[in-house]
Amino acid sequence: MIRLIIAVLIFLISLLVVFKAPTNLLWRTTVALTEFPHLLIFASLLLAASCYWYSSFKLPTLTLSLISFIIFSSTIVRAYNRASAIEGSLATTFSNKNYSKLKKPLKTAFTFFTLFTGIDNKNVDYKSIPYKKINDLQLSFDFYPSNTNEVAPCIVVIHGGSWREGDSQQLPKLNSYFADRGYNVASINYRKAPEYTNPAPIEDTKDAINYIVENCKELKVDTNNFVLIGRSAGGQIALLSAYTLNNKNIKGVVSIYAPADMYWGAQHPGNKWVLDTDKVLGDFVGGSVKDVPEKYKLSSPVEFVDSTSTPTLIIHGQHDCMVSFIHSEHLQQKLNEKKVPNYFLDLPWATHGCDFNISGPSGQITTYTIERFVNSVITQ
């Protein structure tokens, strides 16, 4: 009976791979299920194999275990399918120029073996550097120096957290990954809602870049080559910064499951059991969409796309229950209309936070794609 109960529980959990999570807690569970699928695959197989020795409730236990195995395995299958299409399709827009200082690039977008071994990723020591002070608030960024010890481009990473949470140490493995491969990385902190509203974080991003430029000799930064990477709310900040700061040295921007169309998002709020969109957006923008519609448009990156906009990489999971996949569809549509170079990495199985595990299916594929995008847009 215990085996059957376990089989039922595993089967119910596996349904989160198929359907969007209905609550915030189950969303977090979905991230683990889809980014560590090999663990659930083996658990399902082990449970199925136990039916060889135990006869009680054998058929329902075996049936549920095999169904769960198939569902969990579907993530691997879809990851291989998506990975196989990336290299050719990405190269049509962003060619790999083999930047001379790039070390140990990923050879393939996804392998099952890497789920166990992990991406070759040495932790790089960083230093926290204050770049701005407003009253009693000291803002800083974590600086990961390039392992080349030479002048190198700088990747500016902007964390997520609904504009009110999170910090520069959010998912730091990608920062070390790029520093270990020849890039400088600056992961910034910025002013948060509700005390500060848009465009405060964009101003902070500008000031962080200016600080890096002013101290480029000490930091060994190539000031002609910046790339912005932002997750979730940080993606909105990265996009808006890239599109409005008019800085020709920002060569590319990476939007990872970002709310790119704030005006549309406010009019189509998501599931409040996952995220209270009305409150989150209201705190950041400074009111409801009914009261201050123009502020929502001024917070929407899609509103600022024109023919001179920064080349853009968009990453979004189709099962995102927190920031609708439609945001990224709107962004790509606008970029295409204005003929701005862009690539949309859509991940059919993935949810919000899908790059949590850098060695998971989404983590491998996003790292591979970001690496080639950055390598393409920087100039030597």
Protein backbone atom coordinates (compact mmCIF):
# COMPACT_ATOMS: atom_id res chain seq x y z
CA MET A 1 0.00 0.00 0.00
CA ILE A 2 2.87 2.39 0.83
CA ARG A 3 4.37 1.83 -2.61
CA LEU A 4 1.06 2.66 -4.25
CA ILE A 5 0.73 5.86 -2.22
CA ILE A 6 4.25 6.86 -3.26
CA ALA A 7 3.41 6.06 -6.89
CA VAL A 8 0.30 8.24 -6.70
CA LEU A 9 2.25 11.11 -5.15
CA ILE A 10 5.00 10.92 -7.78
CA PHE A 11 2.39 10.82 -10.53
CA LEU A 12 0.58 13.87 -9.13
CA ILE A 13 3.87 15.74 -8.85
CA SER A 14 4.74 14.82 -12.44
CA LEU A 15 1.63 16.65 -13.63
CA LEU A 16 3.41 19.91 -12.79
CA VAL A 17 5.66 19.17 -15.76
CA VAL A 18 2.58 19.21 -18.00
CA PHE A 19 0.45 21.96 -16.43
CA LYS A 20 1.30 25.41 -15.08
CA ALA A 21 1.70 25.56 -11.31
CA PRO A 22 -1.44 26.93 -9.57
CA THR A 23 0.35 28.28 -6.47
CA ASN A 24 3.67 29.90 -5.59
CA LEU A 25 4.82 26.84 -3.62
CA LEU A 26 4.02 24.48 -6.51
CA TRP A 27 5.82 26.85 -8.89
CA ARG A 28 8.97 26.38 -6.85
CA THR A 29 8.40 22.63 -6.97
CA THR A 30 8.08 22.80 -10.76
CA VAL A 31 11.47 24.47 -11.06
CA ALA A 32 13.05 21.55 -9.21
CA LEU A 33 11.15 18.93 -11.22
CA THR A 34 12.08 20.34 -14.61
CA GLU A 35 15.69 21.23 -13.81
CA PHE A 36 16.58 18.02 -11.94
CA PRO A 37 14.53 15.57 -14.05
CA HIS A 38 17.12 12.80 -13.91
CA LEU A 39 16.49 12.35 -10.18
CA LEU A 40 12.75 11.88 -10.74
CA ILE A 41 13.37 9.60 -13.71
CA PHE A 42 15.41 7.22 -11.60
CA ALA A 43 12.95 7.42 -8.72
CA SER A 44 10.13 6.41 -11.07
CA LEU A 45 12.20 3.56 -12.51
CA LEU A 46 13.17 2.34 -9.07
CA LEU A 47 9.54 2.28 -7.99
CA ALA A 48 8.55 0.42 -11.16
CA ALA A 49 11.34 -2.09 -10.66
CA SER A 50 10.15 -2.80 -7.12
CA CYS A 51 7.01 -4.36 -8.61
CA TYR A 52 9.16 -7.33 -9.60
CA TRP A 53 9.56 -8.29 -5.95
CA TYR A 54 6.24 -7.12 -4.52
CA SER A 55 2.88 -8.30 -5.79
CA SER A 56 0.50 -6.12 -3.76
CA PHE A 57 -1.07 -3.38 -5.89
CA LYS A 58 1.41 -4.35 -8.58
CA LEU A 59 -0.51 -3.18 -11.67
CA PRO A 60 -1.55 0.33 -10.47
CA THR A 61 1.88 0.96 -8.95
CA LEU A 62 3.66 -0.14 -12.13
CA THR A 63 1.29 1.84 -14.35
CA LEU A 64 1.59 5.09 -12.40
CA SER A 65 5.37 4.71 -12.11
CA LEU A 66 5.81 4.22 -15.86
CA ILE A 67 3.53 7.16 -16.68
CA SER A 68 5.58 9.33 -14.31
CA PHE A 69 8.78 8.08 -15.93
CA ILE A 70 7.49 9.07 -19.36
CA ILE A 71 6.43 12.53 -18.18
CA PHE A 72 9.73 13.27 -16.45
CA SER A 73 11.66 11.92 -19.45
CA SER A 74 9.75 14.25 -21.75
CA THR A 75 11.78 17.16 -20.38
CA ILE A 76 14.98 15.45 -21.54
CA VAL A 77 13.53 14.65 -24.96
CA ARG A 78 12.32 18.20 -25.49
CA ALA A 79 15.63 19.60 -24.28
CA TYR A 80 17.49 17.54 -26.89
CA ASN A 81 15.04 18.65 -29.59
CA ARG A 82 15.39 22.33 -28.67
CA ALA A 83 19.16 22.09 -28.35
CA SER A 84 19.54 20.49 -31.79
CA ALA A 85 17.76 23.45 -33.41
CA ILE A 86 19.70 26.21 -31.67
CA GLU A 87 23.11 26.24 -33.31
CA GLY A 88 21.88 26.64 -36.86
CA SER A 89 19.02 29.02 -36.12
CA LEU A 90 21.10 31.19 -33.79
CA ALA A 91 23.91 31.44 -36.33
CA THR A 92 21.56 32.91 -38.93
CA THR A 93 21.20 36.02 -36.75
CA PHE A 94 24.25 35.98 -34.49
CA SER A 95 27.34 34.29 -35.86
CA ASN A 96 30.01 32.92 -33.53
CA LYS A 97 33.03 35.14 -34.10
CA ASN A 98 35.29 33.10 -31.83
CA TYR A 99 36.30 35.95 -29.57
CA SER A 100 39.99 35.37 -28.93
CA LYS A 101 39.80 35.53 -25.13
CA LEU A 102 36.88 33.13 -24.76
CA LYS A 103 37.97 30.06 -22.79
CA LYS A 104 36.34 26.63 -22.59
CA PRO A 105 33.07 27.39 -24.43
CA LEU A 106 30.29 24.82 -24.24
CA LYS A 107 30.58 22.50 -27.24
CA THR A 108 26.93 21.45 -27.25
CA ALA A 109 23.74 23.02 -25.97
CA PHE A 110 22.61 20.01 -23.93
CA THR A 111 23.80 16.58 -22.84
CA PHE A 112 22.18 14.16 -20.42
CA PHE A 113 25.61 13.33 -18.98
CA THR A 114 26.12 16.95 -17.87
CA LEU A 115 23.10 16.65 -15.57
CA PHE A 116 25.32 14.42 -13.41
CA THR A 117 28.78 15.92 -13.93
CA GLY A 118 27.74 19.56 -14.04
CA ILE A 119 29.06 22.28 -16.34
CA ASP A 120 32.77 22.91 -15.93
CA ASN A 121 32.37 25.94 -13.73
CA LYS A 122 35.05 27.18 -11.33
CA ASN A 123 33.88 29.60 -8.64
CA VAL A 124 35.58 32.94 -9.22
CA ASP A 125 36.28 35.20 -6.27
CA TYR A 126 34.50 38.53 -6.48
CA LYS A 127 34.78 41.83 -4.68
CA SER A 128 31.91 44.08 -3.67
CA ILE A 129 32.42 47.61 -5.01
CA PRO A 130 30.28 50.58 -3.88
CA TYR A 131 29.29 52.72 -6.83
CA LYS A 132 26.59 55.08 -5.57
CA LYS A 133 25.16 56.49 -2.36
CA ILE A 134 21.73 58.05 -1.95
CA ASN A 135 21.11 59.40 1.54
CA ASP A 136 21.89 56.41 3.78
CA LEU A 137 21.54 53.84 0.99
CA GLN A 138 24.82 52.50 -0.36
CA LEU A 139 24.57 50.67 -3.68
CA SER A 140 27.27 48.27 -4.79
CA PHE A 141 28.02 45.66 -7.40
CA ASP A 142 29.85 42.34 -7.19
CA PHE A 143 32.77 42.37 -9.59
CA TYR A 144 34.06 39.08 -11.00
CA PRO A 145 37.34 39.81 -12.82
CA SER A 146 38.20 38.06 -16.06
CA ASN A 147 40.54 35.12 -15.62
CA THR A 148 42.72 36.51 -18.43
CA ASN A 149 44.01 39.32 -16.17
CA GLU A 150 43.81 41.49 -19.28
CA VAL A 151 41.42 44.18 -20.50
CA ALA A 152 38.15 42.41 -21.34
CA PRO A 153 34.47 43.16 -22.07
CA CYS A 154 32.05 43.53 -19.16
CA ILE A 155 28.76 41.71 -18.63
CA VAL A 156 26.38 43.61 -16.35
CA VAL A 157 23.96 41.26 -14.55
CA ILE A 158 20.71 42.62 -13.08
CA HIS A 159 18.88 40.41 -10.60
CA GLY A 160 15.16 39.70 -10.39
CA GLY A 161 12.80 39.71 -7.43
CA SER A 162 9.69 41.65 -8.49
CA TRP A 163 11.68 44.92 -8.15
CA ARG A 164 11.40 44.59 -4.35
CA GLU A 165 13.52 41.58 -3.40
CA GLY A 166 16.74 39.84 -4.38
CA ASP A 167 20.30 41.07 -4.59
CA SER A 168 23.51 40.80 -6.57
CA GLN A 169 24.14 37.25 -5.31
CA GLN A 170 21.12 35.79 -7.08
CA LEU A 171 22.18 32.71 -9.12
CA PRO A 172 25.90 33.61 -9.08
CA LYS A 173 27.16 30.54 -10.95
CA LEU A 174 26.62 32.18 -14.34
CA ASN A 175 28.73 35.13 -13.17
CA SER A 176 31.63 32.82 -12.34
CA TYR A 177 31.10 30.92 -15.57
CA PHE A 178 31.66 34.00 -17.73
CA ALA A 179 34.51 35.35 -15.60
CA ASP A 180 36.25 31.98 -15.95
CA ARG A 181 35.90 32.27 -19.71
CA GLY A 182 37.47 35.64 -20.18
CA TYR A 183 34.82 38.24 -19.38
CA ASN A 184 34.48 40.73 -16.54
CA VAL A 185 31.13 40.46 -14.78
CA ALA A 186 29.45 43.12 -12.64
CA SER A 187 26.33 41.94 -10.78
CA ILE A 188 24.60 45.07 -9.54
CA ASN A 189 22.30 46.06 -6.71
CA TYR A 190 19.70 48.74 -7.36
CA ARG A 191 17.00 50.70 -5.54
CA LYS A 192 13.87 48.68 -4.82
CA ALA A 193 10.13 49.20 -4.68
CA PRO A 194 7.95 50.36 -3.08
CA GLU A 195 10.25 53.05 -1.70
CA TYR A 196 11.67 53.67 -5.15
CA THR A 197 9.76 53.44 -8.42
CA ASN A 198 10.63 53.41 -12.09
CA PRO A 199 12.99 54.74 -13.47
CA ALA A 200 15.20 54.50 -10.35
CA PRO A 201 16.73 51.09 -11.27
CA ILE A 202 17.50 52.29 -14.80
CA GLU A 203 19.29 55.31 -13.35
CA ASP A 204 21.24 52.98 -11.05
CA THR A 205 22.23 50.77 -13.98
CA LYS A 206 23.47 53.84 -15.84
CA ASP A 207 25.47 54.98 -12.82
CA ALA A 208 26.99 51.53 -12.31
CA ILE A 209 28.16 51.48 -15.93
CA ASN A 210 29.52 55.01 -15.60
CA TYR A 211 31.45 54.00 -12.48
CA ILE A 212 32.96 51.04 -14.33
CA VAL A 213 33.96 53.32 -17.21
CA GLU A 214 35.54 55.83 -14.85
CA ASN A 215 37.52 53.06 -13.15
CA CYS A 216 38.17 50.97 -16.24
CA LYS A 217 41.95 50.93 -15.87
CA GLU A 218 41.82 49.51 -12.37
CA LEU A 219 39.08 47.03 -13.29
CA LYS A 220 40.64 46.19 -16.68
CA VAL A 221 37.36 46.68 -18.52
CA ASP A 222 37.03 47.22 -22.25
CA THR A 223 34.62 50.17 -22.14
CA ASN A 224 33.58 49.64 -25.76
CA ASN A 225 31.92 46.36 -24.89
CA PHE A 226 29.10 46.01 -22.37
CA VAL A 227 26.34 43.40 -22.45
CA LEU A 228 23.34 43.58 -20.10
CA ILE A 229 21.73 40.41 -18.72
CA GLY A 230 18.59 40.57 -16.59
CA ARG A 231 16.28 37.98 -15.06
CA SER A 232 12.57 38.61 -14.54
CA ALA A 233 12.22 42.15 -13.13
CA GLY A 234 15.93 42.54 -13.82
CA GLY A 235 15.22 41.72 -17.44
CA GLN A 236 12.77 44.61 -17.64
CA ILE A 237 15.48 46.87 -16.18
CA ALA A 238 18.10 45.53 -18.60
CA LEU A 239 15.85 45.99 -21.63
CA LEU A 240 14.72 49.47 -20.68
CA SER A 241 18.32 50.48 -19.94
CA ALA A 242 19.57 49.13 -23.25
CA TYR A 243 16.78 50.80 -25.23
CA THR A 244 16.75 54.20 -23.50
CA LEU A 245 20.26 55.03 -22.27
CA ASN A 246 21.52 55.61 -25.82
CA ASN A 247 24.86 54.08 -24.93
CA LYS A 248 26.53 52.79 -28.09
CA ASN A 249 28.88 50.71 -25.97
CA ILE A 250 26.03 48.48 -24.80
CA LYS A 251 26.41 45.92 -27.55
CA GLY A 252 23.68 43.49 -26.51
CA VAL A 253 20.94 42.77 -23.99
CA VAL A 254 19.64 39.44 -22.69
CA SER A 255 16.06 39.28 -21.42
CA ILE A 256 15.40 36.18 -19.29
CA TYR A 257 11.66 35.67 -18.64
CA ALA A 258 11.18 39.44 -18.33
CA PRO A 259 7.94 41.46 -18.23
CA ALA A 260 8.64 43.36 -21.44
CA ASP A 261 5.15 44.76 -21.96
CA MET A 262 4.17 46.24 -18.61
CA TYR A 263 1.05 47.98 -19.93
CA TRP A 264 -0.33 44.72 -21.35
CA GLY A 265 0.75 42.80 -18.24
CA ALA A 266 -1.16 45.14 -15.94
CA GLN A 267 -4.28 44.66 -18.04
CA HIS A 268 -3.89 40.88 -17.98
CA PRO A 269 -2.82 40.01 -14.40
CA GLY A 270 -1.78 36.45 -13.66
CA ASN A 271 -2.81 33.99 -10.97
CA LYS A 272 -2.71 35.80 -7.61
CA TRP A 273 -1.91 32.52 -5.85
CA VAL A 274 1.39 32.57 -7.71
CA LEU A 275 2.08 36.33 -7.74
CA ASP A 276 -0.04 39.35 -6.92
CA THR A 277 0.68 41.15 -10.19
CA ASP A 278 -1.47 44.19 -9.37
CA LYS A 279 0.44 44.93 -6.18
CA VAL A 280 3.89 44.14 -7.60
CA LEU A 281 3.43 46.33 -10.66
CA GLY A 282 1.65 49.06 -8.70
CA ASP A 283 4.49 49.27 -6.18
CA PHE A 284 7.11 49.57 -8.91
CA VAL A 285 5.31 51.85 -11.34
CA GLY A 286 3.64 53.99 -8.68
CA GLY A 287 -0.06 53.27 -9.02
CA SER A 288 -2.58 51.13 -10.86
CA VAL A 289 -2.79 50.95 -14.64
CA LYS A 290 -6.17 52.71 -14.48
CA ASP A 291 -4.74 55.63 -12.53
CA VAL A 292 -1.36 56.06 -14.26
CA PRO A 293 -1.52 54.30 -17.66
CA GLU A 294 1.24 56.46 -19.13
CA LYS A 295 3.65 55.36 -16.40
CA TYR A 296 3.05 51.75 -17.40
CA LYS A 297 3.89 52.57 -20.99
CA LEU A 298 7.03 54.38 -19.83
CA SER A 299 7.97 51.20 -17.93
CA SER A 300 7.42 48.95 -20.98
CA PRO A 301 10.54 48.10 -23.00
CA VAL A 302 8.39 47.27 -26.05
CA GLU A 303 7.38 50.93 -26.23
CA PHE A 304 10.99 52.03 -26.80
CA VAL A 305 12.06 49.61 -29.53
CA ASP A 306 13.15 51.33 -32.73
CA SER A 307 15.41 50.55 -35.66
CA THR A 308 18.52 51.53 -33.67
CA SER A 309 17.75 49.38 -30.63
CA THR A 310 20.32 47.07 -29.08
CA PRO A 311 20.58 43.49 -30.44
CA THR A 312 18.50 41.33 -28.14
CA LEU A 313 18.41 37.74 -26.90
CA ILE A 314 15.05 36.70 -25.43
CA ILE A 315 14.73 33.65 -23.17
CA HIS A 316 11.38 32.47 -21.85
CA GLY A 317 9.69 29.23 -20.83
CA GLN A 318 6.26 28.46 -22.22
CA HIS A 319 5.11 27.14 -18.82
CA ASP A 320 5.94 30.38 -17.01
CA CYS A 321 3.16 30.92 -14.47
CA MET A 322 4.60 34.17 -13.09
CA VAL A 323 5.49 36.29 -16.12
CA SER A 324 3.42 35.42 -19.16
CA PHE A 325 5.22 34.03 -22.19
CA ILE A 326 3.23 36.60 -24.18
CA HIS A 327 5.51 39.38 -22.90
CA SER A 328 8.40 37.93 -24.88
CA GLU A 329 6.21 37.30 -27.91
CA HIS A 330 5.26 40.98 -27.91
CA LEU A 331 8.91 41.97 -27.59
CA GLN A 332 10.04 39.80 -30.48
CA GLN A 333 7.19 41.04 -32.66
CA LYS A 334 8.25 44.64 -32.06
CA LEU A 335 11.93 43.84 -32.65
CA ASN A 336 11.07 42.11 -35.91
CA GLU A 337 8.90 45.03 -37.03
CA LYS A 338 11.83 47.40 -36.47
CA LYS A 339 14.31 44.91 -37.97
CA VAL A 340 16.41 44.76 -34.80
CA PRO A 341 18.67 41.67 -34.68
CA ASN A 342 17.19 39.26 -32.14
CA TYR A 343 16.85 35.62 -31.21
CA PHE A 344 14.02 34.07 -29.18
CA LEU A 345 15.04 31.03 -27.14
CA ASP A 346 11.66 29.58 -26.21
CA LEU A 347 11.72 26.58 -23.88
CA PRO A 348 8.51 24.49 -24.10
CA TRP A 349 8.92 22.72 -20.74
CA ALA A 350 10.35 25.58 -18.69
CA THR A 351 8.83 27.81 -16.02
CA HIS A 352 9.94 31.02 -14.29
CA GLY A 353 13.41 30.63 -12.78
CA CYS A 354 14.27 27.83 -15.20
CA ASP A 355 17.98 28.71 -15.16
CA PHE A 356 18.18 28.05 -11.41
CA ASN A 357 20.37 24.98 -12.03
CA ILE A 358 23.10 25.96 -14.50
CA SER A 359 23.61 22.25 -15.27
CA GLY A 360 19.91 21.45 -15.74
CA PRO A 361 18.21 21.22 -19.14
CA SER A 362 17.26 24.90 -19.19
CA GLY A 363 20.50 25.94 -17.49
CA GLN A 364 22.69 24.22 -20.07
CA ILE A 365 20.75 25.53 -23.05
CA THR A 366 20.47 29.11 -21.77
CA THR A 367 24.18 29.24 -20.86
CA TYR A 368 25.14 27.92 -24.30
CA THR A 369 22.91 30.43 -26.07
CA ILE A 370 23.92 33.42 -23.93
CA GLU A 371 27.58 32.55 -24.43
CA ARG A 372 27.26 32.54 -28.20
CA PHE A 373 25.13 35.67 -28.23
CA VAL A 374 27.65 37.60 -26.11
CA ASN A 375 30.51 36.24 -28.18
CA SER A 376 28.79 37.50 -31.33
CA VAL A 377 27.76 41.03 -30.35
CA ILE A 378 30.97 42.21 -28.72
CA THR A 379 33.57 43.86 -30.92
CA GLN A 380 37.29 43.31 -30.83
